[in-house]
Amino acid sequence: MAAAEMRAPALALLGHAQCLLRNPAEGPERAQAVAAIAAEMLDLADGLEDHATEAKARCTLVPEPVELAALIGDVVETVMAALSPGKRLFRVAPSLAAMALEADRRALRQVLNRVLTSAARSTREGDWIEIAPESRPGTFALVVADEGSGLAGCRGRIADRRGLGFGLSLARTLMEAHGGSLAVESLARIGTRVTLFFPSALVIAPLTSAVA
C-alpha cells in the first residue's frame, strides 16, 4: 500500500518536471531537482515492494474472462492520469481487440500497471510505448516496448533473476501465479522490451463484446 501511494505523486512530479524542462523560463535547474526527487521516490517504492514480495508468494487467483484491449485501455488511462501533465504516446495493436484471457482481473491489472509505469519512467515526453501480441509456440506473449533510454543497471534479458527492481518484482510473481513468466530486455539509447508470457491454455475464444 505504501509503495502504491508513493508512485502516484512521484509520477506527477516527473510529469511536471518534464514540462518545466521544455520551458526555460520556468527554471531548468529547479525542474531537474524535481525530476531527481521523483526518481528517488520511485526507486524507494520499488525497493519497498521488492522487499515485501516473497520469491514464492502464494496468490489466490479468481479466474474470469478478461478482454485485453479494454483492460489495457483502463490501465493506460490510469498511468496517464498519474503522469499528467507529462505525456506518453501509447500504441495498442488492433488485434488485441479480439483477444481475451482466462485470468484474475485484479492481478492482471497490477501486472500491466507495473509494466506501463516502468515504461513511462524510462521514456521522455512524447515518446511512444507500444503494446502488441506475439506468436510463440505453446504460449501467448504480450510485449510492451518503448523507445526510451533503457532501465538503469539492466543489461540484456534478466527474466530469471530474483529482485527485478523497476517495480516489476510483484508483476513477475503475479505472472508466475498464472503459470506464466516475465522477461525484460533493455539497452541504453535503444529502449526497453518487457514480455509477458501466458500459457496458451489461458487464451479463450474472443468474447462477443470484444469483436462487436
N, C-alpha and C. Protein backbone atom coordinates (compact mmCIF):
# COMPACT_ATOMS: atom_id res chain seq x y z
N MET A 1 0.83 -1.20 0.00
CA MET A 1 0.00 0.00 0.00
C MET A 1 0.87 1.26 0.00
N ALA A 2 1.95 1.21 0.79
CA ALA A 2 2.83 2.37 0.85
C ALA A 2 3.48 2.62 -0.50
N ALA A 3 3.92 1.53 -1.16
CA ALA A 3 4.56 1.68 -2.47
C ALA A 3 3.57 2.24 -3.48
N ALA A 4 2.34 1.76 -3.44
CA ALA A 4 1.33 2.25 -4.39
C ALA A 4 1.05 3.73 -4.15
N GLU A 5 0.99 4.13 -2.89
CA GLU A 5 0.72 5.54 -2.58
C GLU A 5 1.86 6.45 -3.02
N MET A 6 3.08 5.93 -3.02
CA MET A 6 4.24 6.74 -3.39
C MET A 6 4.33 6.95 -4.90
N ARG A 7 3.83 6.00 -5.69
CA ARG A 7 4.01 6.07 -7.13
C ARG A 7 3.24 7.22 -7.77
N ALA A 8 2.01 7.45 -7.32
CA ALA A 8 1.19 8.49 -7.96
C ALA A 8 1.81 9.88 -7.86
N PRO A 9 2.18 10.35 -6.64
CA PRO A 9 2.81 11.68 -6.58
C PRO A 9 4.16 11.72 -7.25
N ALA A 10 4.89 10.59 -7.26
CA ALA A 10 6.19 10.58 -7.92
C ALA A 10 6.04 10.74 -9.43
N LEU A 11 5.05 10.06 -10.01
CA LEU A 11 4.82 10.22 -11.44
C LEU A 11 4.35 11.64 -11.76
N ALA A 12 3.54 12.22 -10.86
CA ALA A 12 3.08 13.59 -11.06
C ALA A 12 4.26 14.56 -11.03
N LEU A 13 5.18 14.36 -10.09
CA LEU A 13 6.38 15.19 -10.03
C LEU A 13 7.19 15.09 -11.32
N LEU A 14 7.32 13.85 -11.82
CA LEU A 14 8.08 13.63 -13.04
C LEU A 14 7.42 14.35 -14.21
N GLY A 15 6.10 14.25 -14.29
CA GLY A 15 5.39 14.92 -15.38
C GLY A 15 5.55 16.42 -15.35
N HIS A 16 5.41 17.03 -14.18
CA HIS A 16 5.58 18.47 -14.03
C HIS A 16 7.02 18.88 -14.36
N ALA A 17 7.98 18.09 -13.92
CA ALA A 17 9.38 18.43 -14.16
C ALA A 17 9.69 18.43 -15.65
N GLN A 18 9.16 17.45 -16.38
CA GLN A 18 9.44 17.39 -17.81
C GLN A 18 8.81 18.56 -18.55
N CYS A 19 7.64 18.99 -18.09
CA CYS A 19 7.02 20.17 -18.69
C CYS A 19 7.85 21.42 -18.42
N LEU A 20 8.41 21.51 -17.22
CA LEU A 20 9.27 22.65 -16.89
C LEU A 20 10.52 22.66 -17.76
N LEU A 21 11.06 21.49 -18.03
CA LEU A 21 12.28 21.41 -18.84
C LEU A 21 12.04 21.89 -20.27
N ARG A 22 10.81 21.80 -20.74
CA ARG A 22 10.51 22.27 -22.09
C ARG A 22 10.43 23.79 -22.15
N ASN A 23 10.26 24.43 -21.00
CA ASN A 23 10.12 25.88 -20.95
C ASN A 23 11.24 26.47 -20.09
N PRO A 24 12.31 26.97 -20.72
CA PRO A 24 13.45 27.50 -19.95
C PRO A 24 13.07 28.60 -18.96
N ALA A 25 11.99 29.33 -19.24
CA ALA A 25 11.60 30.42 -18.35
C ALA A 25 11.18 29.90 -16.98
N GLU A 26 10.83 28.63 -16.90
CA GLU A 26 10.39 28.06 -15.62
C GLU A 26 11.56 27.64 -14.75
N GLY A 27 12.76 27.65 -15.29
CA GLY A 27 13.92 27.32 -14.48
C GLY A 27 14.31 25.86 -14.59
N PRO A 28 15.20 25.52 -15.55
CA PRO A 28 15.60 24.11 -15.74
C PRO A 28 16.28 23.49 -14.54
N GLU A 29 16.99 24.27 -13.77
CA GLU A 29 17.68 23.71 -12.60
C GLU A 29 16.67 23.20 -11.58
N ARG A 30 15.62 23.99 -11.35
CA ARG A 30 14.59 23.54 -10.42
C ARG A 30 13.85 22.32 -10.96
N ALA A 31 13.63 22.32 -12.27
CA ALA A 31 12.96 21.18 -12.88
C ALA A 31 13.78 19.90 -12.71
N GLN A 32 15.08 20.00 -12.90
CA GLN A 32 15.95 18.83 -12.75
C GLN A 32 15.93 18.33 -11.31
N ALA A 33 15.85 19.25 -10.36
CA ALA A 33 15.79 18.84 -8.95
C ALA A 33 14.49 18.10 -8.66
N VAL A 34 13.39 18.60 -9.23
CA VAL A 34 12.10 17.93 -9.04
C VAL A 34 12.14 16.54 -9.65
N ALA A 35 12.72 16.42 -10.85
CA ALA A 35 12.82 15.13 -11.52
C ALA A 35 13.65 14.15 -10.69
N ALA A 36 14.72 14.65 -10.07
CA ALA A 36 15.57 13.79 -9.25
C ALA A 36 14.81 13.27 -8.03
N ILE A 37 13.99 14.14 -7.42
CA ILE A 37 13.17 13.72 -6.28
C ILE A 37 12.17 12.67 -6.70
N ALA A 38 11.55 12.88 -7.87
CA ALA A 38 10.58 11.92 -8.37
C ALA A 38 11.23 10.56 -8.59
N ALA A 39 12.41 10.56 -9.20
CA ALA A 39 13.11 9.30 -9.45
C ALA A 39 13.47 8.60 -8.15
N GLU A 40 13.88 9.38 -7.15
CA GLU A 40 14.23 8.80 -5.85
C GLU A 40 13.01 8.17 -5.19
N MET A 41 11.85 8.84 -5.29
CA MET A 41 10.62 8.29 -4.71
C MET A 41 10.23 6.98 -5.38
N LEU A 42 10.37 6.94 -6.71
CA LEU A 42 10.03 5.73 -7.44
C LEU A 42 10.98 4.59 -7.09
N ASP A 43 12.26 4.90 -6.96
CA ASP A 43 13.23 3.87 -6.57
C ASP A 43 12.91 3.33 -5.17
N LEU A 44 12.53 4.23 -4.26
CA LEU A 44 12.19 3.82 -2.92
C LEU A 44 10.96 2.92 -2.92
N ALA A 45 9.97 3.27 -3.73
CA ALA A 45 8.77 2.44 -3.84
C ALA A 45 9.11 1.06 -4.38
N ASP A 46 10.00 1.01 -5.38
CA ASP A 46 10.41 -0.28 -5.93
C ASP A 46 11.12 -1.13 -4.88
N GLY A 47 12.03 -0.50 -4.13
CA GLY A 47 12.76 -1.25 -3.11
C GLY A 47 11.85 -1.78 -2.03
N LEU A 48 10.89 -0.98 -1.62
CA LEU A 48 9.94 -1.40 -0.60
C LEU A 48 9.11 -2.58 -1.07
N GLU A 49 8.62 -2.48 -2.31
CA GLU A 49 7.80 -3.55 -2.85
C GLU A 49 8.61 -4.82 -3.08
N ASP A 50 9.83 -4.66 -3.57
CA ASP A 50 10.69 -5.81 -3.81
C ASP A 50 10.99 -6.54 -2.51
N HIS A 51 11.22 -5.78 -1.45
CA HIS A 51 11.50 -6.38 -0.15
C HIS A 51 10.29 -7.14 0.38
N ALA A 52 9.10 -6.61 0.11
CA ALA A 52 7.88 -7.21 0.65
C ALA A 52 7.38 -8.39 -0.18
N THR A 53 7.88 -8.52 -1.41
CA THR A 53 7.42 -9.59 -2.30
C THR A 53 8.27 -10.84 -2.09
N GLU A 54 7.69 -11.90 -1.61
CA GLU A 54 8.42 -13.14 -1.39
C GLU A 54 8.68 -13.83 -2.72
N ALA A 55 9.77 -14.56 -2.79
CA ALA A 55 10.15 -15.22 -4.04
C ALA A 55 9.07 -16.18 -4.52
N LYS A 56 8.40 -16.85 -3.60
CA LYS A 56 7.36 -17.80 -3.97
C LYS A 56 6.07 -17.47 -3.24
N ALA A 57 5.69 -16.23 -3.34
CA ALA A 57 4.46 -15.80 -2.68
C ALA A 57 3.27 -16.55 -3.24
N ARG A 58 2.36 -16.93 -2.36
CA ARG A 58 1.17 -17.64 -2.79
C ARG A 58 0.06 -16.65 -3.08
N CYS A 59 -0.49 -16.77 -4.25
CA CYS A 59 -1.55 -15.87 -4.67
C CYS A 59 -2.83 -16.67 -4.90
N THR A 60 -3.93 -16.16 -4.39
CA THR A 60 -5.23 -16.78 -4.63
C THR A 60 -5.87 -16.07 -5.81
N LEU A 61 -5.96 -16.78 -6.93
CA LEU A 61 -6.49 -16.18 -8.14
C LEU A 61 -7.97 -16.52 -8.32
N VAL A 62 -8.69 -15.59 -8.90
CA VAL A 62 -10.10 -15.80 -9.24
C VAL A 62 -10.22 -15.59 -10.75
N PRO A 63 -10.02 -16.65 -11.54
CA PRO A 63 -10.01 -16.50 -13.00
C PRO A 63 -11.39 -16.14 -13.55
N GLU A 64 -11.37 -15.32 -14.59
CA GLU A 64 -12.58 -14.95 -15.32
C GLU A 64 -12.15 -14.47 -16.70
N PRO A 65 -13.06 -14.45 -17.66
CA PRO A 65 -12.69 -13.95 -18.99
C PRO A 65 -12.36 -12.46 -18.91
N VAL A 66 -11.17 -12.10 -19.39
CA VAL A 66 -10.71 -10.71 -19.35
C VAL A 66 -10.40 -10.25 -20.77
N GLU A 67 -11.12 -9.23 -21.24
CA GLU A 67 -10.86 -8.66 -22.55
C GLU A 67 -9.61 -7.78 -22.45
N LEU A 68 -8.59 -8.16 -23.20
CA LEU A 68 -7.30 -7.48 -23.05
C LEU A 68 -7.34 -6.02 -23.46
N ALA A 69 -7.94 -5.70 -24.59
CA ALA A 69 -7.93 -4.32 -25.06
C ALA A 69 -8.59 -3.38 -24.06
N ALA A 70 -9.72 -3.81 -23.50
CA ALA A 70 -10.44 -2.97 -22.54
C ALA A 70 -9.60 -2.75 -21.28
N LEU A 71 -8.98 -3.83 -20.77
CA LEU A 71 -8.17 -3.71 -19.56
C LEU A 71 -6.94 -2.85 -19.81
N ILE A 72 -6.28 -3.06 -20.94
CA ILE A 72 -5.11 -2.25 -21.27
C ILE A 72 -5.48 -0.78 -21.37
N GLY A 73 -6.63 -0.50 -21.99
CA GLY A 73 -7.08 0.89 -22.10
C GLY A 73 -7.30 1.53 -20.75
N ASP A 74 -7.89 0.78 -19.81
CA ASP A 74 -8.12 1.31 -18.46
C ASP A 74 -6.79 1.62 -17.76
N VAL A 75 -5.82 0.71 -17.90
CA VAL A 75 -4.53 0.90 -17.23
C VAL A 75 -3.77 2.07 -17.87
N VAL A 76 -3.83 2.20 -19.18
CA VAL A 76 -3.18 3.33 -19.85
C VAL A 76 -3.74 4.65 -19.32
N GLU A 77 -5.07 4.73 -19.18
CA GLU A 77 -5.69 5.95 -18.65
C GLU A 77 -5.21 6.24 -17.23
N THR A 78 -5.08 5.19 -16.41
CA THR A 78 -4.62 5.37 -15.03
C THR A 78 -3.20 5.91 -14.99
N VAL A 79 -2.32 5.33 -15.79
CA VAL A 79 -0.92 5.76 -15.81
C VAL A 79 -0.81 7.18 -16.35
N MET A 80 -1.55 7.50 -17.40
CA MET A 80 -1.50 8.83 -17.97
C MET A 80 -2.03 9.89 -17.01
N ALA A 81 -3.08 9.54 -16.27
CA ALA A 81 -3.63 10.48 -15.29
C ALA A 81 -2.61 10.77 -14.19
N ALA A 82 -1.88 9.74 -13.76
CA ALA A 82 -0.86 9.93 -12.72
C ALA A 82 0.31 10.76 -13.24
N LEU A 83 0.66 10.58 -14.52
CA LEU A 83 1.81 11.26 -15.10
C LEU A 83 1.50 12.71 -15.48
N SER A 84 0.22 13.03 -15.67
CA SER A 84 -0.19 14.36 -16.11
C SER A 84 0.45 15.47 -15.26
N PRO A 85 0.92 16.56 -15.89
CA PRO A 85 0.74 16.94 -17.29
C PRO A 85 1.76 16.35 -18.25
N GLY A 86 2.64 15.48 -17.78
CA GLY A 86 3.53 14.79 -18.70
C GLY A 86 2.72 13.90 -19.64
N LYS A 87 3.31 13.54 -20.78
CA LYS A 87 2.56 12.78 -21.78
C LYS A 87 3.43 11.72 -22.43
N ARG A 88 2.84 10.54 -22.62
CA ARG A 88 3.45 9.48 -23.42
C ARG A 88 2.44 9.09 -24.50
N LEU A 89 2.91 8.57 -25.61
CA LEU A 89 2.04 8.15 -26.70
C LEU A 89 1.96 6.63 -26.71
N PHE A 90 0.77 6.10 -26.47
CA PHE A 90 0.59 4.65 -26.41
C PHE A 90 0.00 4.16 -27.73
N ARG A 91 0.57 3.07 -28.25
CA ARG A 91 0.06 2.44 -29.46
C ARG A 91 -0.30 0.99 -29.11
N VAL A 92 -1.61 0.69 -29.12
CA VAL A 92 -2.10 -0.65 -28.79
C VAL A 92 -2.48 -1.37 -30.07
N ALA A 93 -1.93 -2.55 -30.29
CA ALA A 93 -2.19 -3.30 -31.53
C ALA A 93 -3.68 -3.58 -31.68
N PRO A 94 -4.27 -3.29 -32.85
CA PRO A 94 -5.70 -3.54 -33.08
C PRO A 94 -6.11 -4.99 -32.87
N SER A 95 -5.19 -5.93 -33.10
CA SER A 95 -5.52 -7.34 -32.95
C SER A 95 -5.88 -7.72 -31.52
N LEU A 96 -5.48 -6.90 -30.55
CA LEU A 96 -5.81 -7.20 -29.15
C LEU A 96 -7.29 -7.01 -28.85
N ALA A 97 -8.01 -6.30 -29.74
CA ALA A 97 -9.44 -6.06 -29.51
C ALA A 97 -10.24 -7.35 -29.56
N ALA A 98 -9.70 -8.38 -30.21
CA ALA A 98 -10.43 -9.64 -30.32
C ALA A 98 -9.82 -10.73 -29.47
N MET A 99 -9.03 -10.34 -28.44
CA MET A 99 -8.35 -11.34 -27.62
C MET A 99 -8.79 -11.25 -26.17
N ALA A 100 -8.87 -12.42 -25.53
CA ALA A 100 -9.25 -12.50 -24.12
C ALA A 100 -8.47 -13.61 -23.44
N LEU A 101 -8.28 -13.45 -22.14
CA LEU A 101 -7.58 -14.45 -21.34
C LEU A 101 -8.45 -14.88 -20.17
N GLU A 102 -8.30 -16.11 -19.75
CA GLU A 102 -8.93 -16.60 -18.52
C GLU A 102 -7.93 -16.31 -17.40
N ALA A 103 -8.13 -15.18 -16.71
CA ALA A 103 -7.14 -14.73 -15.74
C ALA A 103 -7.82 -13.98 -14.61
N ASP A 104 -7.04 -13.71 -13.55
CA ASP A 104 -7.53 -12.91 -12.45
C ASP A 104 -7.43 -11.43 -12.87
N ARG A 105 -8.57 -10.77 -12.96
CA ARG A 105 -8.60 -9.40 -13.49
C ARG A 105 -7.76 -8.44 -12.64
N ARG A 106 -7.90 -8.52 -11.31
CA ARG A 106 -7.17 -7.59 -10.44
C ARG A 106 -5.66 -7.82 -10.55
N ALA A 107 -5.26 -9.11 -10.59
CA ALA A 107 -3.83 -9.41 -10.68
C ALA A 107 -3.27 -8.95 -12.02
N LEU A 108 -4.01 -9.19 -13.10
CA LEU A 108 -3.53 -8.78 -14.42
C LEU A 108 -3.45 -7.26 -14.52
N ARG A 109 -4.39 -6.56 -13.88
CA ARG A 109 -4.33 -5.11 -13.86
C ARG A 109 -3.06 -4.63 -13.15
N GLN A 110 -2.72 -5.31 -12.04
CA GLN A 110 -1.50 -4.95 -11.31
C GLN A 110 -0.27 -5.15 -12.18
N VAL A 111 -0.24 -6.26 -12.91
CA VAL A 111 0.90 -6.55 -13.78
C VAL A 111 1.05 -5.45 -14.83
N LEU A 112 -0.04 -5.14 -15.52
CA LEU A 112 0.01 -4.13 -16.57
C LEU A 112 0.36 -2.75 -16.01
N ASN A 113 -0.17 -2.44 -14.83
CA ASN A 113 0.13 -1.15 -14.22
C ASN A 113 1.61 -1.02 -13.93
N ARG A 114 2.21 -2.09 -13.39
CA ARG A 114 3.64 -2.05 -13.07
C ARG A 114 4.47 -1.91 -14.35
N VAL A 115 4.12 -2.68 -15.38
CA VAL A 115 4.90 -2.67 -16.61
C VAL A 115 4.78 -1.32 -17.33
N LEU A 116 3.57 -0.77 -17.42
CA LEU A 116 3.38 0.50 -18.11
C LEU A 116 3.96 1.67 -17.32
N THR A 117 3.90 1.59 -15.99
CA THR A 117 4.54 2.62 -15.17
C THR A 117 6.05 2.60 -15.37
N SER A 118 6.62 1.41 -15.45
CA SER A 118 8.05 1.28 -15.70
C SER A 118 8.41 1.87 -17.05
N ALA A 119 7.57 1.63 -18.06
CA ALA A 119 7.82 2.18 -19.39
C ALA A 119 7.75 3.70 -19.37
N ALA A 120 6.79 4.25 -18.63
CA ALA A 120 6.65 5.70 -18.53
C ALA A 120 7.89 6.32 -17.87
N ARG A 121 8.45 5.62 -16.90
CA ARG A 121 9.62 6.12 -16.19
C ARG A 121 10.86 6.16 -17.08
N SER A 122 11.01 5.19 -17.96
CA SER A 122 12.24 5.09 -18.76
C SER A 122 12.15 5.86 -20.08
N THR A 123 11.01 6.53 -20.31
CA THR A 123 10.84 7.30 -21.55
C THR A 123 10.75 8.79 -21.24
N ARG A 124 10.68 9.57 -22.31
CA ARG A 124 10.61 11.02 -22.16
C ARG A 124 9.30 11.55 -22.72
N GLU A 125 9.10 12.82 -22.54
CA GLU A 125 7.90 13.49 -23.02
C GLU A 125 7.69 13.21 -24.51
N GLY A 126 6.49 12.66 -24.84
CA GLY A 126 6.15 12.43 -26.24
C GLY A 126 6.67 11.14 -26.83
N ASP A 127 7.39 10.31 -26.06
CA ASP A 127 7.89 9.04 -26.57
C ASP A 127 6.74 8.04 -26.77
N TRP A 128 6.97 7.09 -27.67
CA TRP A 128 5.98 6.04 -27.94
C TRP A 128 6.19 4.83 -27.03
N ILE A 129 5.09 4.22 -26.61
CA ILE A 129 5.10 2.95 -25.90
C ILE A 129 4.13 2.04 -26.65
N GLU A 130 4.62 0.91 -27.14
CA GLU A 130 3.81 0.02 -27.96
C GLU A 130 3.45 -1.24 -27.19
N ILE A 131 2.19 -1.68 -27.36
CA ILE A 131 1.69 -2.89 -26.70
C ILE A 131 1.11 -3.79 -27.78
N ALA A 132 1.68 -4.98 -27.93
CA ALA A 132 1.25 -5.86 -29.02
C ALA A 132 1.47 -7.32 -28.66
N PRO A 133 0.67 -8.22 -29.24
CA PRO A 133 0.85 -9.65 -29.01
C PRO A 133 1.93 -10.20 -29.95
N GLU A 134 2.53 -11.31 -29.55
CA GLU A 134 3.48 -12.00 -30.40
C GLU A 134 3.16 -13.48 -30.39
N SER A 135 3.33 -14.12 -31.52
CA SER A 135 3.06 -15.55 -31.63
C SER A 135 4.30 -16.33 -31.20
N ARG A 136 4.12 -17.17 -30.20
CA ARG A 136 5.20 -18.04 -29.72
C ARG A 136 4.65 -19.46 -29.56
N PRO A 137 5.43 -20.49 -29.86
CA PRO A 137 4.96 -21.87 -29.73
C PRO A 137 4.54 -22.20 -28.30
N GLY A 138 3.30 -22.65 -28.12
CA GLY A 138 2.84 -23.10 -26.82
C GLY A 138 2.59 -22.03 -25.80
N THR A 139 2.64 -20.77 -26.20
CA THR A 139 2.43 -19.70 -25.24
C THR A 139 1.85 -18.47 -25.94
N PHE A 140 1.28 -17.58 -25.14
CA PHE A 140 0.79 -16.30 -25.66
C PHE A 140 1.68 -15.22 -25.06
N ALA A 141 2.26 -14.39 -25.90
CA ALA A 141 3.18 -13.35 -25.44
C ALA A 141 2.60 -11.97 -25.69
N LEU A 142 2.62 -11.14 -24.65
CA LEU A 142 2.19 -9.75 -24.75
C LEU A 142 3.43 -8.89 -24.52
N VAL A 143 3.77 -8.06 -25.50
CA VAL A 143 5.01 -7.30 -25.46
C VAL A 143 4.73 -5.82 -25.26
N VAL A 144 5.43 -5.20 -24.31
CA VAL A 144 5.38 -3.77 -24.09
C VAL A 144 6.78 -3.23 -24.42
N ALA A 145 6.88 -2.45 -25.50
CA ALA A 145 8.18 -1.95 -25.95
C ALA A 145 8.16 -0.42 -25.98
N ASP A 146 9.26 0.18 -25.54
CA ASP A 146 9.35 1.64 -25.57
C ASP A 146 10.66 2.05 -26.23
N GLU A 147 10.75 3.33 -26.56
CA GLU A 147 11.92 3.86 -27.23
C GLU A 147 12.72 4.77 -26.30
N GLY A 148 12.67 4.45 -25.00
CA GLY A 148 13.32 5.29 -24.00
C GLY A 148 14.81 5.05 -23.88
N SER A 149 15.37 5.51 -22.76
CA SER A 149 16.82 5.46 -22.54
C SER A 149 17.29 4.12 -21.98
N GLY A 150 16.34 3.20 -21.73
CA GLY A 150 16.72 1.93 -21.12
C GLY A 150 16.68 2.02 -19.61
N LEU A 151 16.53 0.87 -18.95
CA LEU A 151 16.47 0.84 -17.50
C LEU A 151 17.87 0.83 -16.92
N ALA A 152 18.13 1.74 -15.98
CA ALA A 152 19.46 1.84 -15.38
C ALA A 152 19.86 0.53 -14.73
N GLY A 153 21.07 0.07 -15.05
CA GLY A 153 21.58 -1.15 -14.43
C GLY A 153 21.09 -2.42 -15.08
N CYS A 154 20.25 -2.33 -16.12
CA CYS A 154 19.71 -3.51 -16.76
C CYS A 154 20.46 -3.76 -18.07
N ARG A 155 20.99 -4.94 -18.23
CA ARG A 155 21.67 -5.29 -19.47
C ARG A 155 21.17 -6.65 -19.94
N GLY A 156 20.52 -6.68 -21.08
CA GLY A 156 20.06 -7.95 -21.63
C GLY A 156 18.87 -8.51 -20.89
N ARG A 157 18.58 -9.77 -21.12
CA ARG A 157 17.41 -10.42 -20.53
C ARG A 157 17.69 -10.80 -19.09
N ILE A 158 16.79 -10.48 -18.18
CA ILE A 158 17.01 -10.77 -16.76
C ILE A 158 15.79 -11.47 -16.16
N ALA A 159 15.08 -12.24 -16.98
CA ALA A 159 13.83 -12.85 -16.53
C ALA A 159 14.03 -13.81 -15.36
N ASP A 160 15.21 -14.44 -15.28
CA ASP A 160 15.41 -15.46 -14.26
C ASP A 160 16.03 -14.91 -12.98
N ARG A 161 16.20 -13.62 -12.89
CA ARG A 161 16.85 -13.03 -11.72
C ARG A 161 15.83 -12.59 -10.69
N ARG A 162 16.07 -12.95 -9.44
CA ARG A 162 15.20 -12.52 -8.34
C ARG A 162 15.44 -11.04 -8.08
N GLY A 163 14.38 -10.32 -7.75
CA GLY A 163 14.53 -8.91 -7.45
C GLY A 163 14.76 -8.09 -8.70
N LEU A 164 13.79 -8.12 -9.61
CA LEU A 164 13.94 -7.38 -10.86
C LEU A 164 14.15 -5.90 -10.65
N GLY A 165 13.53 -5.36 -9.60
CA GLY A 165 13.55 -3.92 -9.44
C GLY A 165 12.64 -3.28 -10.48
N PHE A 166 12.74 -1.98 -10.64
CA PHE A 166 11.97 -1.24 -11.62
C PHE A 166 10.46 -1.42 -11.40
N GLY A 167 10.04 -1.85 -10.20
CA GLY A 167 8.62 -2.06 -9.93
C GLY A 167 8.07 -3.32 -10.55
N LEU A 168 8.94 -4.26 -10.98
CA LEU A 168 8.46 -5.43 -11.72
C LEU A 168 8.50 -6.73 -10.92
N SER A 169 8.98 -6.70 -9.68
CA SER A 169 9.04 -7.94 -8.90
C SER A 169 7.65 -8.50 -8.63
N LEU A 170 6.72 -7.63 -8.22
CA LEU A 170 5.36 -8.08 -7.98
C LEU A 170 4.73 -8.56 -9.28
N ALA A 171 5.00 -7.87 -10.38
CA ALA A 171 4.46 -8.28 -11.67
C ALA A 171 4.92 -9.69 -12.02
N ARG A 172 6.20 -9.98 -11.77
CA ARG A 172 6.69 -11.32 -12.09
C ARG A 172 6.03 -12.37 -11.21
N THR A 173 5.86 -12.07 -9.92
CA THR A 173 5.21 -13.01 -9.02
C THR A 173 3.79 -13.31 -9.47
N LEU A 174 3.05 -12.28 -9.89
CA LEU A 174 1.67 -12.49 -10.33
C LEU A 174 1.63 -13.25 -11.65
N MET A 175 2.61 -13.03 -12.52
CA MET A 175 2.67 -13.80 -13.76
C MET A 175 2.94 -15.28 -13.46
N GLU A 176 3.84 -15.55 -12.53
CA GLU A 176 4.14 -16.93 -12.16
C GLU A 176 2.93 -17.61 -11.54
N ALA A 177 2.12 -16.84 -10.81
CA ALA A 177 0.90 -17.40 -10.22
C ALA A 177 -0.07 -17.85 -11.30
N HIS A 178 0.00 -17.23 -12.47
CA HIS A 178 -0.84 -17.62 -13.61
C HIS A 178 -0.19 -18.74 -14.43
N GLY A 179 0.97 -19.22 -14.00
CA GLY A 179 1.69 -20.23 -14.76
C GLY A 179 2.52 -19.65 -15.88
N GLY A 180 2.72 -18.33 -15.85
CA GLY A 180 3.48 -17.67 -16.90
C GLY A 180 4.81 -17.14 -16.41
N SER A 181 5.36 -16.17 -17.12
CA SER A 181 6.65 -15.59 -16.74
C SER A 181 6.76 -14.18 -17.32
N LEU A 182 7.83 -13.48 -16.90
CA LEU A 182 8.08 -12.11 -17.35
C LEU A 182 9.54 -11.99 -17.73
N ALA A 183 9.81 -11.39 -18.88
CA ALA A 183 11.19 -11.19 -19.34
C ALA A 183 11.42 -9.73 -19.65
N VAL A 184 12.63 -9.24 -19.36
CA VAL A 184 12.98 -7.84 -19.61
C VAL A 184 14.25 -7.78 -20.44
N GLU A 185 14.22 -6.97 -21.49
CA GLU A 185 15.42 -6.68 -22.28
C GLU A 185 15.53 -5.16 -22.39
N SER A 186 16.70 -4.61 -22.10
CA SER A 186 16.85 -3.16 -22.10
C SER A 186 18.25 -2.78 -22.54
N LEU A 187 18.31 -1.82 -23.48
CA LEU A 187 19.59 -1.33 -23.96
C LEU A 187 19.58 0.19 -23.93
N ALA A 188 20.68 0.77 -23.45
CA ALA A 188 20.79 2.22 -23.38
C ALA A 188 20.61 2.84 -24.76
N ARG A 189 19.85 3.91 -24.82
CA ARG A 189 19.60 4.69 -26.03
C ARG A 189 18.81 3.93 -27.09
N ILE A 190 18.35 2.72 -26.76
CA ILE A 190 17.52 1.95 -27.70
C ILE A 190 16.12 1.75 -27.14
N GLY A 191 16.04 1.38 -25.87
CA GLY A 191 14.74 1.21 -25.26
C GLY A 191 14.63 -0.07 -24.47
N THR A 192 13.42 -0.32 -24.00
CA THR A 192 13.16 -1.48 -23.14
C THR A 192 12.01 -2.29 -23.71
N ARG A 193 12.11 -3.59 -23.55
CA ARG A 193 11.09 -4.51 -24.04
C ARG A 193 10.74 -5.47 -22.91
N VAL A 194 9.50 -5.41 -22.44
CA VAL A 194 9.02 -6.32 -21.40
C VAL A 194 8.02 -7.28 -22.05
N THR A 195 8.27 -8.58 -21.88
CA THR A 195 7.40 -9.58 -22.48
C THR A 195 6.71 -10.40 -21.39
N LEU A 196 5.39 -10.46 -21.47
CA LEU A 196 4.59 -11.26 -20.55
C LEU A 196 4.20 -12.55 -21.26
N PHE A 197 4.63 -13.68 -20.70
CA PHE A 197 4.34 -14.98 -21.31
C PHE A 197 3.20 -15.66 -20.53
N PHE A 198 2.11 -15.96 -21.23
CA PHE A 198 0.97 -16.67 -20.64
C PHE A 198 0.85 -18.06 -21.26
N PRO A 199 0.49 -19.07 -20.47
CA PRO A 199 0.24 -20.40 -21.05
C PRO A 199 -0.87 -20.30 -22.10
N SER A 200 -0.71 -21.00 -23.20
CA SER A 200 -1.71 -20.94 -24.27
C SER A 200 -3.07 -21.41 -23.79
N ALA A 201 -3.11 -22.22 -22.72
CA ALA A 201 -4.39 -22.71 -22.20
C ALA A 201 -5.26 -21.59 -21.64
N LEU A 202 -4.65 -20.44 -21.32
CA LEU A 202 -5.41 -19.31 -20.77
C LEU A 202 -6.09 -18.48 -21.85
N VAL A 203 -5.69 -18.70 -23.11
CA VAL A 203 -6.30 -17.95 -24.21
C VAL A 203 -7.66 -18.55 -24.52
N ILE A 204 -8.70 -17.69 -24.52
CA ILE A 204 -10.04 -18.18 -24.79
C ILE A 204 -10.58 -17.55 -26.06
N ALA A 205 -11.69 -18.08 -26.54
CA ALA A 205 -12.31 -17.54 -27.76
C ALA A 205 -12.70 -16.10 -27.53
N PRO A 206 -12.60 -15.26 -28.56
CA PRO A 206 -12.98 -13.84 -28.40
C PRO A 206 -14.39 -13.70 -27.87
N LEU A 207 -14.56 -12.78 -26.93
CA LEU A 207 -15.88 -12.53 -26.38
C LEU A 207 -16.73 -11.75 -27.40
N THR A 208 -18.03 -11.90 -27.32
CA THR A 208 -18.92 -11.24 -28.26
C THR A 208 -18.71 -9.73 -28.24
N SER A 209 -18.58 -9.16 -27.03
CA SER A 209 -18.41 -7.71 -26.92
C SER A 209 -17.07 -7.24 -27.45
N ALA A 210 -16.08 -8.16 -27.48
CA ALA A 210 -14.75 -7.77 -27.93
C ALA A 210 -14.70 -7.62 -29.45
N VAL A 211 -15.53 -8.37 -30.17
CA VAL A 211 -15.48 -8.32 -31.62
C VAL A 211 -16.64 -7.54 -32.20
N ALA A 212 -17.54 -7.07 -31.32
CA ALA A 212 -18.69 -6.33 -31.82
C ALA A 212 -18.26 -4.95 -32.32
